[in-house]
Every structure is written in structure tokens, then in C-alpha cells.
Amino acid sequence: MVDVHGYLKIVDFGLSKDGFRYGDRSKTRCGTNCYMAPEIIDEMAYSRAVDWWALGVVLYVMIMFQFPFDAEDDMELFESIRNNKPALTEELSEEAQCLILRVSG
């Protein structure tokens, strides 16, 4: 998608929350499991910051060609998201490592 100023926007209309503004908080559990922030998994009130987490996951996948958290089932995946940091190889530039870690965590 392109906004009115010509900037590209990453969107996924498979699931979205209507009317969620800056400063709002939600407890709705929604999203694709491998992109969920820990706050959503733990059913805590969260802000739009969870979108930054998901962007970090997207960047990781684009750079590493794999998901940052992987598991055999959803319960293992959620535990990994809650407790682990994404593995970053030394082949990544320091800038790419900082970007991924800053956005997702």
C-alpha cells in the first residue's frame, strides 16, 4: 500500500483492530502466532508497540530467511518468544543487528 504522501506501508488485512489509536490499550488476543509480542501471548494490556515487535520479526525473516522463534508447537513457540532472544549471526552487520533488536525488543 502507498499512503497519500507516497510512502510504502506494510499491511495485512487478514486481521486488524479497528479504531486502535495512539495511547489506546487492548487485551484482545489476535494475530499470527509467530509474529505475536509477549504482551499479547500473556494477555496483558498492550499498545501499538506490538506492531513494532511484528516489524522486527518481518525484518528478521527478510534478513535471515527464517523466523526468529521456532518450535514444534504453539506452546513451545510462545515460551520461546517469552524467554529467548533472536539468534543473530556474526555475518550480519552491526547496524542490522541493532535494527532487529531495537525494533523487536
PDB file of N, CA and C in Angstrom:
ATOM      1  N   MET A   1       0.849  -1.173   0.000  1.00  0.00           N
ATOM      2  CA  MET A   1       0.000   0.000   0.000  1.00  0.00           C
ATOM      3  C   MET A   1       0.898   1.241   0.000  1.00  0.00           C
ATOM      4  N   VAL A   2       0.372   2.302  -0.532  1.00  0.00           N
ATOM      5  CA  VAL A   2       1.073   3.572  -0.569  1.00  0.00           C
ATOM      6  C   VAL A   2       0.164   4.616   0.076  1.00  0.00           C
ATOM      7  N   ASP A   3       0.729   5.411   1.017  1.00  0.00           N
ATOM      8  CA  ASP A   3      -0.105   6.430   1.652  1.00  0.00           C
ATOM      9  C   ASP A   3      -0.198   7.687   0.785  1.00  0.00           C
ATOM     10  N   VAL A   4      -0.908   8.696   1.252  1.00  0.00           N
ATOM     11  CA  VAL A   4      -1.141   9.909   0.466  1.00  0.00           C
ATOM     12  C   VAL A   4       0.136  10.690   0.184  1.00  0.00           C
ATOM     13  N   HIS A   5       1.210  10.411   0.936  1.00  0.00           N
ATOM     14  CA  HIS A   5       2.483  11.110   0.731  1.00  0.00           C
ATOM     15  C   HIS A   5       3.460  10.281  -0.100  1.00  0.00           C
ATOM     16  N   GLY A   6       3.003   9.113  -0.589  1.00  0.00           N
ATOM     17  CA  GLY A   6       3.851   8.281  -1.420  1.00  0.00           C
ATOM     18  C   GLY A   6       4.720   7.298  -0.659  1.00  0.00           C
ATOM     19  N   TYR A   7       4.528   7.176   0.660  1.00  0.00           N
ATOM     20  CA  TYR A   7       5.313   6.240   1.454  1.00  0.00           C
ATOM     21  C   TYR A   7       4.681   4.859   1.412  1.00  0.00           C
ATOM     22  N   LEU A   8       5.534   3.836   1.280  1.00  0.00           N
ATOM     23  CA  LEU A   8       5.048   2.463   1.291  1.00  0.00           C
ATOM     24  C   LEU A   8       4.643   2.067   2.703  1.00  0.00           C
ATOM     25  N   LYS A   9       3.584   1.304   2.825  1.00  0.00           N
ATOM     26  CA  LYS A   9       3.093   0.806   4.108  1.00  0.00           C
ATOM     27  C   LYS A   9       2.968  -0.706   4.027  1.00  0.00           C
ATOM     28  N   ILE A  10       3.473  -1.398   5.046  1.00  0.00           N
ATOM     29  CA  ILE A  10       3.286  -2.842   5.129  1.00  0.00           C
ATOM     30  C   ILE A  10       1.939  -3.070   5.800  1.00  0.00           C
ATOM     31  N   VAL A  11       1.080  -3.832   5.156  1.00  0.00           N
ATOM     32  CA  VAL A  11      -0.249  -4.071   5.716  1.00  0.00           C
ATOM     33  C   VAL A  11      -0.610  -5.546   5.597  1.00  0.00           C
ATOM     34  N   ASP A  12      -1.477  -5.959   6.456  1.00  0.00           N
ATOM     35  CA  ASP A  12      -2.041  -7.302   6.420  1.00  0.00           C
ATOM     36  C   ASP A  12      -3.467  -7.173   6.911  1.00  0.00           C
ATOM     37  N   PHE A  13      -4.400  -7.260   5.981  1.00  0.00           N
ATOM     38  CA  PHE A  13      -5.798  -7.098   6.363  1.00  0.00           C
ATOM     39  C   PHE A  13      -6.444  -8.413   6.779  1.00  0.00           C
ATOM     40  N   GLY A  14      -5.624  -9.459   6.965  1.00  0.00           N
ATOM     41  CA  GLY A  14      -6.165 -10.714   7.438  1.00  0.00           C
ATOM     42  C   GLY A  14      -6.773 -10.558   8.821  1.00  0.00           C
ATOM     43  N   LEU A  15      -6.205  -9.663   9.617  1.00  0.00           N
ATOM     44  CA  LEU A  15      -6.716  -9.397  10.952  1.00  0.00           C
ATOM     45  C   LEU A  15      -6.239  -8.016  11.365  1.00  0.00           C
ATOM     46  N   SER A  16      -7.159  -7.179  11.767  1.00  0.00           N
ATOM     47  CA  SER A  16      -6.784  -5.848  12.237  1.00  0.00           C
ATOM     48  C   SER A  16      -7.771  -5.401  13.295  1.00  0.00           C
ATOM     49  N   LYS A  17      -7.358  -4.427  14.074  1.00  0.00           N
ATOM     50  CA  LYS A  17      -8.205  -3.892  15.128  1.00  0.00           C
ATOM     51  C   LYS A  17      -8.624  -2.495  14.714  1.00  0.00           C
ATOM     52  N   ASP A  18      -9.901  -2.295  14.513  1.00  0.00           N
ATOM     53  CA  ASP A  18     -10.437  -1.024  14.057  1.00  0.00           C
ATOM     54  C   ASP A  18     -10.462   0.000  15.195  1.00  0.00           C
ATOM     55  N   GLY A  19     -10.071   1.227  14.893  1.00  0.00           N
ATOM     56  CA  GLY A  19     -10.169   2.323  15.852  1.00  0.00           C
ATOM     57  C   GLY A  19      -9.139   2.276  16.963  1.00  0.00           C
ATOM     58  N   PHE A  20      -8.033   1.598  16.759  1.00  0.00           N
ATOM     59  CA  PHE A  20      -6.974   1.496  17.777  1.00  0.00           C
ATOM     60  C   PHE A  20      -6.013   2.651  17.575  1.00  0.00           C
ATOM     61  N   ARG A  21      -6.120   3.684  18.428  1.00  0.00           N
ATOM     62  CA  ARG A  21      -5.343   4.920  18.263  1.00  0.00           C
ATOM     63  C   ARG A  21      -4.135   4.944  19.187  1.00  0.00           C
ATOM     64  N   TYR A  22      -3.271   5.923  18.955  1.00  0.00           N
ATOM     65  CA  TYR A  22      -2.120   6.124  19.829  1.00  0.00           C
ATOM     66  C   TYR A  22      -2.617   6.339  21.250  1.00  0.00           C
ATOM     67  N   GLY A  23      -1.976   5.670  22.189  1.00  0.00           N
ATOM     68  CA  GLY A  23      -2.355   5.792  23.591  1.00  0.00           C
ATOM     69  C   GLY A  23      -3.402   4.777  24.021  1.00  0.00           C
ATOM     70  N   ASP A  24      -4.099   4.159  23.058  1.00  0.00           N
ATOM     71  CA  ASP A  24      -5.084   3.132  23.400  1.00  0.00           C
ATOM     72  C   ASP A  24      -4.364   1.866  23.850  1.00  0.00           C
ATOM     73  N   ARG A  25      -5.066   1.068  24.627  1.00  0.00           N
ATOM     74  CA  ARG A  25      -4.547  -0.223  25.072  1.00  0.00           C
ATOM     75  C   ARG A  25      -5.619  -1.274  24.826  1.00  0.00           C
ATOM     76  N   SER A  26      -5.182  -2.496  24.593  1.00  0.00           N
ATOM     77  CA  SER A  26      -6.114  -3.577  24.325  1.00  0.00           C
ATOM     78  C   SER A  26      -5.638  -4.837  25.031  1.00  0.00           C
ATOM     79  N   LYS A  27      -6.541  -5.774  25.200  1.00  0.00           N
ATOM     80  CA  LYS A  27      -6.197  -7.095  25.710  1.00  0.00           C
ATOM     81  C   LYS A  27      -6.671  -8.185  24.751  1.00  0.00           C
ATOM     82  N   THR A  28      -7.133  -7.785  23.577  1.00  0.00           N
ATOM     83  CA  THR A  28      -7.617  -8.741  22.592  1.00  0.00           C
ATOM     84  C   THR A  28      -6.462  -9.616  22.117  1.00  0.00           C
ATOM     85  N   ARG A  29      -6.657 -10.910  22.154  1.00  0.00           N
ATOM     86  CA  ARG A  29      -5.621 -11.813  21.651  1.00  0.00           C
ATOM     87  C   ARG A  29      -5.876 -12.017  20.168  1.00  0.00           C
ATOM     88  N   CYS A  30      -5.001 -11.442  19.362  1.00  0.00           N
ATOM     89  CA  CYS A  30      -5.178 -11.559  17.926  1.00  0.00           C
ATOM     90  C   CYS A  30      -3.810 -11.508  17.254  1.00  0.00           C
ATOM     91  N   GLY A  31      -3.765 -12.044  16.067  1.00  0.00           N
ATOM     92  CA  GLY A  31      -2.530 -12.026  15.303  1.00  0.00           C
ATOM     93  C   GLY A  31      -2.069 -13.422  14.951  1.00  0.00           C
ATOM     94  N   THR A  32      -1.045 -13.491  14.134  1.00  0.00           N
ATOM     95  CA  THR A  32      -0.436 -14.755  13.742  1.00  0.00           C
ATOM     96  C   THR A  32       0.615 -15.107  14.781  1.00  0.00           C
ATOM     97  N   ASN A  33       0.578 -16.333  15.266  1.00  0.00           N
ATOM     98  CA  ASN A  33       1.396 -16.729  16.416  1.00  0.00           C
ATOM     99  C   ASN A  33       2.867 -16.350  16.315  1.00  0.00           C
ATOM    100  N   CYS A  34       3.513 -16.594  15.187  1.00  0.00           N
ATOM    101  CA  CYS A  34       4.953 -16.353  15.094  1.00  0.00           C
ATOM    102  C   CYS A  34       5.310 -14.865  15.086  1.00  0.00           C
ATOM    103  N   TYR A  35       4.312 -13.970  14.936  1.00  0.00           N
ATOM    104  CA  TYR A  35       4.550 -12.530  14.952  1.00  0.00           C
ATOM    105  C   TYR A  35       4.091 -11.881  16.264  1.00  0.00           C
ATOM    106  N   MET A  36       3.502 -12.647  17.171  1.00  0.00           N
ATOM    107  CA  MET A  36       2.932 -12.082  18.401  1.00  0.00           C
ATOM    108  C   MET A  36       4.004 -11.621  19.375  1.00  0.00           C
ATOM    109  N   ALA A  37       3.762 -10.456  19.950  1.00  0.00           N
ATOM    110  CA  ALA A  37       4.617  -9.938  21.006  1.00  0.00           C
ATOM    111  C   ALA A  37       4.282 -10.653  22.320  1.00  0.00           C
ATOM    112  N   PRO A  38       5.229 -10.704  23.246  1.00  0.00           N
ATOM    113  CA  PRO A  38       4.969 -11.375  24.524  1.00  0.00           C
ATOM    114  C   PRO A  38       3.737 -10.841  25.261  1.00  0.00           C
ATOM    115  N   GLU A  39       3.463  -9.545  25.151  1.00  0.00           N
ATOM    116  CA  GLU A  39       2.311  -8.970  25.847  1.00  0.00           C
ATOM    117  C   GLU A  39       0.997  -9.584  25.361  1.00  0.00           C
ATOM    118  N   ILE A  40       0.916  -9.857  24.073  1.00  0.00           N
ATOM    119  CA  ILE A  40      -0.300 -10.459  23.532  1.00  0.00           C
ATOM    120  C   ILE A  40      -0.429 -11.897  24.022  1.00  0.00           C
ATOM    121  N   ILE A  41       0.671 -12.626  23.971  1.00  0.00           N
ATOM    122  CA  ILE A  41       0.662 -14.020  24.423  1.00  0.00           C
ATOM    123  C   ILE A  41       0.219 -14.108  25.880  1.00  0.00           C
ATOM    124  N   ASP A  42       0.723 -13.194  26.707  1.00  0.00           N
ATOM    125  CA  ASP A  42       0.414 -13.210  28.140  1.00  0.00           C
ATOM    126  C   ASP A  42      -0.904 -12.530  28.483  1.00  0.00           C
ATOM    127  N   GLU A  43      -1.631 -12.105  27.439  1.00  0.00           N
ATOM    128  CA  GLU A  43      -2.929 -11.456  27.600  1.00  0.00           C
ATOM    129  C   GLU A  43      -2.871 -10.241  28.533  1.00  0.00           C
ATOM    130  N   MET A  44      -1.761  -9.491  28.410  1.00  0.00           N
ATOM    131  CA  MET A  44      -1.594  -8.238  29.145  1.00  0.00           C
ATOM    132  C   MET A  44      -2.099  -7.093  28.268  1.00  0.00           C
ATOM    133  N   ALA A  45      -2.431  -5.978  28.886  1.00  0.00           N
ATOM    134  CA  ALA A  45      -2.822  -4.803  28.105  1.00  0.00           C
ATOM    135  C   ALA A  45      -1.616  -4.363  27.279  1.00  0.00           C
ATOM    136  N   TYR A  46      -1.845  -4.107  26.000  1.00  0.00           N
ATOM    137  CA  TYR A  46      -0.754  -3.710  25.124  1.00  0.00           C
ATOM    138  C   TYR A  46      -1.160  -2.499  24.290  1.00  0.00           C
ATOM    139  N   SER A  47      -0.142  -1.832  23.761  1.00  0.00           N
ATOM    140  CA  SER A  47      -0.347  -0.653  22.914  1.00  0.00           C
ATOM    141  C   SER A  47       0.032  -1.012  21.483  1.00  0.00           C
ATOM    142  N   ARG A  48       0.109  -0.010  20.654  1.00  0.00           N
ATOM    143  CA  ARG A  48       0.512  -0.234  19.264  1.00  0.00           C
ATOM    144  C   ARG A  48       1.971  -0.658  19.147  1.00  0.00           C
ATOM    145  N   ALA A  49       2.689  -0.666  20.253  1.00  0.00           N
ATOM    146  CA  ALA A  49       4.081  -1.115  20.233  1.00  0.00           C
ATOM    147  C   ALA A  49       4.215  -2.560  19.761  1.00  0.00           C
ATOM    148  N   VAL A  50       3.147  -3.348  19.899  1.00  0.00           N
ATOM    149  CA  VAL A  50       3.215  -4.736  19.417  1.00  0.00           C
ATOM    150  C   VAL A  50       3.418  -4.779  17.903  1.00  0.00           C
ATOM    151  N   ASP A  51       3.023  -3.720  17.209  1.00  0.00           N
ATOM    152  CA  ASP A  51       3.260  -3.657  15.762  1.00  0.00           C
ATOM    153  C   ASP A  51       4.753  -3.521  15.460  1.00  0.00           C
ATOM    154  N   TRP A  52       5.487  -2.823  16.333  1.00  0.00           N
ATOM    155  CA  TRP A  52       6.937  -2.711  16.167  1.00  0.00           C
ATOM    156  C   TRP A  52       7.588  -4.069  16.360  1.00  0.00           C
ATOM    157  N   TRP A  53       7.092  -4.845  17.325  1.00  0.00           N
ATOM    158  CA  TRP A  53       7.594  -6.201  17.537  1.00  0.00           C
ATOM    159  C   TRP A  53       7.421  -7.008  16.244  1.00  0.00           C
ATOM    160  N   ALA A  54       6.212  -6.959  15.686  1.00  0.00           N
ATOM    161  CA  ALA A  54       5.932  -7.710  14.467  1.00  0.00           C
ATOM    162  C   ALA A  54       6.826  -7.249  13.316  1.00  0.00           C
ATOM    163  N   LEU A  55       7.097  -5.955  13.242  1.00  0.00           N
ATOM    164  CA  LEU A  55       8.010  -5.451  12.219  1.00  0.00           C
ATOM    165  C   LEU A  55       9.406  -6.027  12.423  1.00  0.00           C
ATOM    166  N   GLY A  56       9.848  -6.149  13.672  1.00  0.00           N
ATOM    167  CA  GLY A  56      11.141  -6.776  13.953  1.00  0.00           C
ATOM    168  C   GLY A  56      11.186  -8.210  13.450  1.00  0.00           C
ATOM    169  N   VAL A  57      10.095  -8.928  13.617  1.00  0.00           N
ATOM    170  CA  VAL A  57      10.015 -10.303  13.117  1.00  0.00           C
ATOM    171  C   VAL A  57      10.110 -10.301  11.588  1.00  0.00           C
ATOM    172  N   VAL A  58       9.387  -9.394  10.943  1.00  0.00           N
ATOM    173  CA  VAL A  58       9.432  -9.297   9.478  1.00  0.00           C
ATOM    174  C   VAL A  58      10.859  -9.003   9.011  1.00  0.00           C
ATOM    175  N   LEU A  59      11.533  -8.047   9.650  1.00  0.00           N
ATOM    176  CA  LEU A  59      12.914  -7.726   9.280  1.00  0.00           C
ATOM    177  C   LEU A  59      13.829  -8.932   9.460  1.00  0.00           C
ATOM    178  N   TYR A  60      13.660  -9.628  10.568  1.00  0.00           N
ATOM    179  CA  TYR A  60      14.474 -10.819  10.831  1.00  0.00           C
ATOM    180  C   TYR A  60      14.291 -11.845   9.713  1.00  0.00           C
ATOM    181  N   VAL A  61      13.045 -12.106   9.349  1.00  0.00           N
ATOM    182  CA  VAL A  61      12.767 -13.084   8.295  1.00  0.00           C
ATOM    183  C   VAL A  61      13.365 -12.624   6.966  1.00  0.00           C
ATOM    184  N   MET A  62      13.269 -11.345   6.668  1.00  0.00           N
ATOM    185  CA  MET A  62      13.811 -10.822   5.420  1.00  0.00           C
ATOM    186  C   MET A  62      15.332 -10.951   5.364  1.00  0.00           C
ATOM    187  N   ILE A  63      15.989 -10.796   6.501  1.00  0.00           N
ATOM    188  CA  ILE A  63      17.451 -10.836   6.538  1.00  0.00           C
ATOM    189  C   ILE A  63      17.984 -12.258   6.726  1.00  0.00           C
ATOM    190  N   MET A  64      17.335 -13.034   7.603  1.00  0.00           N
ATOM    191  CA  MET A  64      17.852 -14.355   7.979  1.00  0.00           C
ATOM    192  C   MET A  64      17.190 -15.517   7.220  1.00  0.00           C
ATOM    193  N   PHE A  65      16.085 -15.256   6.530  1.00  0.00           N
ATOM    194  CA  PHE A  65      15.349 -16.283   5.788  1.00  0.00           C
ATOM    195  C   PHE A  65      14.786 -17.379   6.696  1.00  0.00           C
ATOM    196  N   GLN A  66      14.492 -17.016   7.923  1.00  0.00           N
ATOM    197  CA  GLN A  66      13.851 -17.921   8.877  1.00  0.00           C
ATOM    198  C   GLN A  66      13.225 -17.080   9.977  1.00  0.00           C
ATOM    199  N   PHE A  67      12.318 -17.682  10.727  1.00  0.00           N
ATOM    200  CA  PHE A  67      11.692 -16.957  11.827  1.00  0.00           C
ATOM    201  C   PHE A  67      12.626 -16.909  13.029  1.00  0.00           C
ATOM    202  N   PRO A  68      12.554 -15.833  13.825  1.00  0.00           N
ATOM    203  CA  PRO A  68      13.444 -15.719  14.979  1.00  0.00           C
ATOM    204  C   PRO A  68      13.105 -16.707  16.094  1.00  0.00           C
ATOM    205  N   PHE A  69      11.871 -17.133  16.167  1.00  0.00           N
ATOM    206  CA  PHE A  69      11.437 -18.071  17.195  1.00  0.00           C
ATOM    207  C   PHE A  69      10.750 -19.228  16.486  1.00  0.00           C
ATOM    208  N   ASP A  70      11.215 -20.433  16.757  1.00  0.00           N
ATOM    209  CA  ASP A  70      10.665 -21.594  16.082  1.00  0.00           C
ATOM    210  C   ASP A  70      10.462 -22.698  17.109  1.00  0.00           C
ATOM    211  N   ALA A  71       9.465 -23.515  16.896  1.00  0.00           N
ATOM    212  CA  ALA A  71       9.177 -24.591  17.839  1.00  0.00           C
ATOM    213  C   ALA A  71       8.297 -25.631  17.167  1.00  0.00           C
ATOM    214  N   GLU A  72       8.142 -26.757  17.844  1.00  0.00           N
ATOM    215  CA  GLU A  72       7.318 -27.852  17.341  1.00  0.00           C
ATOM    216  C   GLU A  72       5.829 -27.552  17.433  1.00  0.00           C
ATOM    217  N   ASP A  73       5.429 -26.775  18.443  1.00  0.00           N
ATOM    218  CA  ASP A  73       4.006 -26.477  18.625  1.00  0.00           C
ATOM    219  C   ASP A  73       3.856 -25.059  19.189  1.00  0.00           C
ATOM    220  N   ASP A  74       2.613 -24.614  19.304  1.00  0.00           N
ATOM    221  CA  ASP A  74       2.350 -23.244  19.753  1.00  0.00           C
ATOM    222  C   ASP A  74       2.851 -22.980  21.168  1.00  0.00           C
ATOM    223  N   MET A  75       2.707 -23.941  22.059  1.00  0.00           N
ATOM    224  CA  MET A  75       3.145 -23.732  23.444  1.00  0.00           C
ATOM    225  C   MET A  75       4.662 -23.508  23.504  1.00  0.00           C
ATOM    226  N   GLU A  76       5.425 -24.299  22.767  1.00  0.00           N
ATOM    227  CA  GLU A  76       6.875 -24.115  22.705  1.00  0.00           C
ATOM    228  C   GLU A  76       7.229 -22.776  22.063  1.00  0.00           C
ATOM    229  N   LEU A  77       6.493 -22.426  21.023  1.00  0.00           N
ATOM    230  CA  LEU A  77       6.723 -21.148  20.349  1.00  0.00           C
ATOM    231  C   LEU A  77       6.512 -19.993  21.311  1.00  0.00           C
ATOM    232  N   PHE A  78       5.418 -20.020  22.052  1.00  0.00           N
ATOM    233  CA  PHE A  78       5.125 -18.940  22.997  1.00  0.00           C
ATOM    234  C   PHE A  78       6.189 -18.860  24.089  1.00  0.00           C
ATOM    235  N   GLU A  79       6.657 -19.988  24.570  1.00  0.00           N
ATOM    236  CA  GLU A  79       7.728 -19.995  25.576  1.00  0.00           C
ATOM    237  C   GLU A  79       9.007 -19.384  25.003  1.00  0.00           C
ATOM    238  N   SER A  80       9.302 -19.704  23.758  1.00  0.00           N
ATOM    239  CA  SER A  80      10.487 -19.155  23.105  1.00  0.00           C
ATOM    240  C   SER A  80      10.375 -17.639  22.943  1.00  0.00           C
ATOM    241  N   ILE A  81       9.210 -17.171  22.515  1.00  0.00           N
ATOM    242  CA  ILE A  81       9.001 -15.725  22.362  1.00  0.00           C
ATOM    243  C   ILE A  81       9.143 -15.023  23.700  1.00  0.00           C
ATOM    244  N   ARG A  82       8.592 -15.611  24.758  1.00  0.00           N
ATOM    245  CA  ARG A  82       8.667 -15.001  26.097  1.00  0.00           C
ATOM    246  C   ARG A  82      10.093 -14.953  26.647  1.00  0.00           C
ATOM    247  N   ASN A  83      10.875 -15.996  26.386  1.00  0.00           N
ATOM    248  CA  ASN A  83      12.120 -16.180  27.137  1.00  0.00           C
ATOM    249  C   ASN A  83      13.416 -16.069  26.349  1.00  0.00           C
ATOM    250  N   ASN A  84      13.355 -16.109  25.037  1.00  0.00           N
ATOM    251  CA  ASN A  84      14.588 -16.141  24.242  1.00  0.00           C
ATOM    252  C   ASN A  84      14.791 -14.864  23.448  1.00  0.00           C
ATOM    253  N   LYS A  85      16.039 -14.590  23.147  1.00  0.00           N
ATOM    254  CA  LYS A  85      16.391 -13.508  22.233  1.00  0.00           C
ATOM    255  C   LYS A  85      16.634 -14.143  20.865  1.00  0.00           C
ATOM    256  N   PRO A  86      16.339 -13.411  19.797  1.00  0.00           N
ATOM    257  CA  PRO A  86      16.595 -13.984  18.465  1.00  0.00           C
ATOM    258  C   PRO A  86      18.090 -14.216  18.253  1.00  0.00           C
ATOM    259  N   ALA A  87      18.422 -15.326  17.610  1.00  0.00           N
ATOM    260  CA  ALA A  87      19.820 -15.625  17.296  1.00  0.00           C
ATOM    261  C   ALA A  87      20.255 -14.747  16.122  1.00  0.00           C
ATOM    262  N   LEU A  88      21.363 -14.049  16.316  1.00  0.00           N
ATOM    263  CA  LEU A  88      21.909 -13.196  15.263  1.00  0.00           C
ATOM    264  C   LEU A  88      23.314 -13.668  14.937  1.00  0.00           C
ATOM    265  N   THR A  89      23.592 -13.899  13.677  1.00  0.00           N
ATOM    266  CA  THR A  89      24.903 -14.390  13.280  1.00  0.00           C
ATOM    267  C   THR A  89      25.881 -13.232  13.138  1.00  0.00           C
ATOM    268  N   GLU A  90      27.144 -13.559  13.232  1.00  0.00           N
ATOM    269  CA  GLU A  90      28.194 -12.547  13.094  1.00  0.00           C
ATOM    270  C   GLU A  90      28.272 -12.014  11.668  1.00  0.00           C
ATOM    271  N   GLU A  91      27.665 -12.737  10.723  1.00  0.00           N
ATOM    272  CA  GLU A  91      27.676 -12.283   9.336  1.00  0.00           C
ATOM    273  C   GLU A  91      26.828 -11.035   9.137  1.00  0.00           C
ATOM    274  N   LEU A  92      25.892 -10.814  10.055  1.00  0.00           N
ATOM    275  CA  LEU A  92      25.057  -9.609   9.970  1.00  0.00           C
ATOM    276  C   LEU A  92      25.871  -8.400  10.387  1.00  0.00           C
ATOM    277  N   SER A  93      25.648  -7.311   9.711  1.00  0.00           N
ATOM    278  CA  SER A  93      26.325  -6.081  10.101  1.00  0.00           C
ATOM    279  C   SER A  93      25.827  -5.656  11.480  1.00  0.00           C
ATOM    280  N   GLU A  94      26.611  -4.856  12.158  1.00  0.00           N
ATOM    281  CA  GLU A  94      26.215  -4.354  13.469  1.00  0.00           C
ATOM    282  C   GLU A  94      24.935  -3.526  13.352  1.00  0.00           C
ATOM    283  N   GLU A  95      24.810  -2.787  12.252  1.00  0.00           N
ATOM    284  CA  GLU A  95      23.616  -1.979  12.036  1.00  0.00           C
ATOM    285  C   GLU A  95      22.366  -2.852  11.920  1.00  0.00           C
ATOM    286  N   ALA A  96      22.470  -3.967  11.168  1.00  0.00           N
ATOM    287  CA  ALA A  96      21.318  -4.859  11.017  1.00  0.00           C
ATOM    288  C   ALA A  96      20.963  -5.497  12.348  1.00  0.00           C
ATOM    289  N   GLN A  97      21.963  -5.907  13.116  1.00  0.00           N
ATOM    290  CA  GLN A  97      21.694  -6.488  14.440  1.00  0.00           C
ATOM    291  C   GLN A  97      20.997  -5.487  15.347  1.00  0.00           C
ATOM    292  N   CYS A  98      21.487  -4.269  15.377  1.00  0.00           N
ATOM    293  CA  CYS A  98      20.886  -3.228  16.225  1.00  0.00           C
ATOM    294  C   CYS A  98      19.461  -2.930  15.799  1.00  0.00           C
ATOM    295  N   LEU A  99      19.233  -2.868  14.501  1.00  0.00           N
ATOM    296  CA  LEU A  99      17.892  -2.590  13.996  1.00  0.00           C
ATOM    297  C   LEU A  99      16.903  -3.670  14.428  1.00  0.00           C
ATOM    298  N   ILE A 100      17.276  -4.919  14.233  1.00  0.00           N
ATOM    299  CA  ILE A 100      16.388  -6.026  14.609  1.00  0.00           C
ATOM    300  C   ILE A 100      16.106  -6.001  16.105  1.00  0.00           C
ATOM    301  N   LEU A 101      17.144  -5.851  16.901  1.00  0.00           N
ATOM    302  CA  LEU A 101      16.956  -5.883  18.361  1.00  0.00           C
ATOM    303  C   LEU A 101      16.209  -4.654  18.858  1.00  0.00           C
ATOM    304  N   ARG A 102      16.443  -3.518  18.274  1.00  0.00           N
ATOM    305  CA  ARG A 102      15.758  -2.298  18.707  1.00  0.00           C
ATOM    306  C   ARG A 102      14.276  -2.351  18.382  1.00  0.00           C
ATOM    307  N   VAL A 103      13.937  -2.798  17.183  1.00  0.00           N
ATOM    308  CA  VAL A 103      12.542  -2.838  16.760  1.00  0.00           C
ATOM    309  C   VAL A 103      11.774  -3.896  17.530  1.00  0.00           C
ATOM    310  N   SER A 104      12.393  -5.050  17.751  1.00  0.00           N
ATOM    311  CA  SER A 104      11.636  -6.156  18.338  1.00  0.00           C
ATOM    312  C   SER A 104      11.824  -6.293  19.839  1.00  0.00           C
ATOM    313  N   GLY A 105      12.471  -5.386  20.449  1.00  0.00           N
ATOM    314  CA  GLY A 105      12.576  -5.724  21.800  1.00  0.00           C
ATOM    315  C   GLY A 105      12.974  -4.834  22.844  1.00  0.00           C
TER     316      GLY A 105
END
